[in-house]
Amino acid sequence: MSSDTQKHRQLLDALKAAQGKQDGSFEQAVTQAFEHVFDHLDRLISHVSLGGPEGEDRTLKPGESPTLR
């Protein structure tokens, strides 16, 4: 199992375990899950964006949908 898949399971388990608790653990689990999602988005953006560090959009390739950027 990949370490990323393992991390996803840990995050989901933490969310499930914290549901309904009034001790702040659910909020902490949600924050950790969102931080992980944002890490994924950063990697995805870095992978797909060829515009450079200034973040310019690259031109679409023929047949490429702008919604899949």
Protein backbone atom coordinates (compact mmCIF):
# COMPACT_ATOMS: atom_id res chain seq x y z
CA MET A 1 0.00 0.00 0.00
CA SER A 2 1.35 3.39 -0.91
CA SER A 3 2.17 5.78 1.90
CA ASP A 4 -0.32 8.25 0.42
CA THR A 5 -3.13 5.69 0.52
CA GLN A 6 -2.18 4.90 4.10
CA LYS A 7 -2.27 8.61 4.95
CA HIS A 8 -5.75 8.91 3.38
CA ARG A 9 -7.02 6.04 5.49
CA GLN A 10 -5.53 7.57 8.63
CA LEU A 11 -7.18 10.91 7.88
CA LEU A 12 -10.57 9.25 7.26
CA ASP A 13 -10.25 7.15 10.40
CA ALA A 14 -9.46 10.26 12.43
CA LEU A 15 -12.51 12.04 11.01
CA LYS A 16 -14.78 9.09 11.76
CA ALA A 17 -13.41 8.68 15.29
CA ALA A 18 -13.81 12.38 16.09
CA GLN A 19 -17.39 12.77 14.84
CA GLY A 20 -19.72 13.98 17.55
CA LYS A 21 -17.00 14.71 20.06
CA GLN A 22 -17.01 18.12 21.67
CA ASP A 23 -13.29 18.22 22.45
CA GLY A 24 -12.00 19.91 19.29
CA SER A 25 -10.70 16.67 17.79
CA PHE A 26 -13.11 16.81 14.85
CA GLU A 27 -11.98 20.33 13.92
CA GLN A 28 -8.37 19.20 14.16
CA ALA A 29 -9.07 16.16 11.95
CA VAL A 30 -10.82 18.35 9.37
CA THR A 31 -7.91 20.81 9.37
CA GLN A 32 -5.41 17.99 8.83
CA ALA A 33 -7.52 16.54 6.01
CA PHE A 34 -7.75 19.91 4.26
CA GLU A 35 -4.01 20.50 4.65
CA HIS A 36 -3.42 17.18 2.92
CA VAL A 37 -5.86 18.08 0.14
CA PHE A 38 -4.07 21.40 -0.37
CA ASP A 39 -0.74 19.56 -0.57
CA HIS A 40 -2.22 17.39 -3.33
CA LEU A 41 -3.53 20.45 -5.15
CA ASP A 42 -0.12 22.16 -4.95
CA ARG A 43 1.52 19.08 -6.46
CA LEU A 44 -1.13 18.85 -9.15
CA ILE A 45 -0.80 22.51 -10.06
CA SER A 46 2.99 22.19 -10.18
CA HIS A 47 2.67 19.14 -12.40
CA VAL A 48 0.22 20.66 -14.89
CA SER A 49 1.27 24.28 -14.95
CA LEU A 50 3.96 24.99 -17.46
CA GLY A 51 3.49 28.73 -17.15
CA GLY A 52 6.41 29.24 -14.83
CA PRO A 53 6.77 30.60 -11.31
CA GLU A 54 4.65 33.67 -12.09
CA GLY A 55 1.71 31.33 -12.69
CA GLU A 56 0.83 32.34 -16.21
CA ASP A 57 -1.58 29.99 -17.92
CA ARG A 58 -0.11 27.85 -20.63
CA THR A 59 -1.87 27.64 -23.96
CA LEU A 60 -4.26 24.77 -24.47
CA LYS A 61 -3.15 21.85 -26.57
CA PRO A 62 -5.42 20.92 -29.49
CA GLY A 63 -8.48 19.11 -28.13
CA GLU A 64 -7.59 19.86 -24.50
CA SER A 65 -10.46 20.94 -22.27
CA PRO A 66 -9.83 24.04 -20.12
CA THR A 67 -11.75 22.42 -17.26
CA LEU A 68 -9.13 19.67 -16.93
CA ARG A 69 -6.23 22.01 -16.23
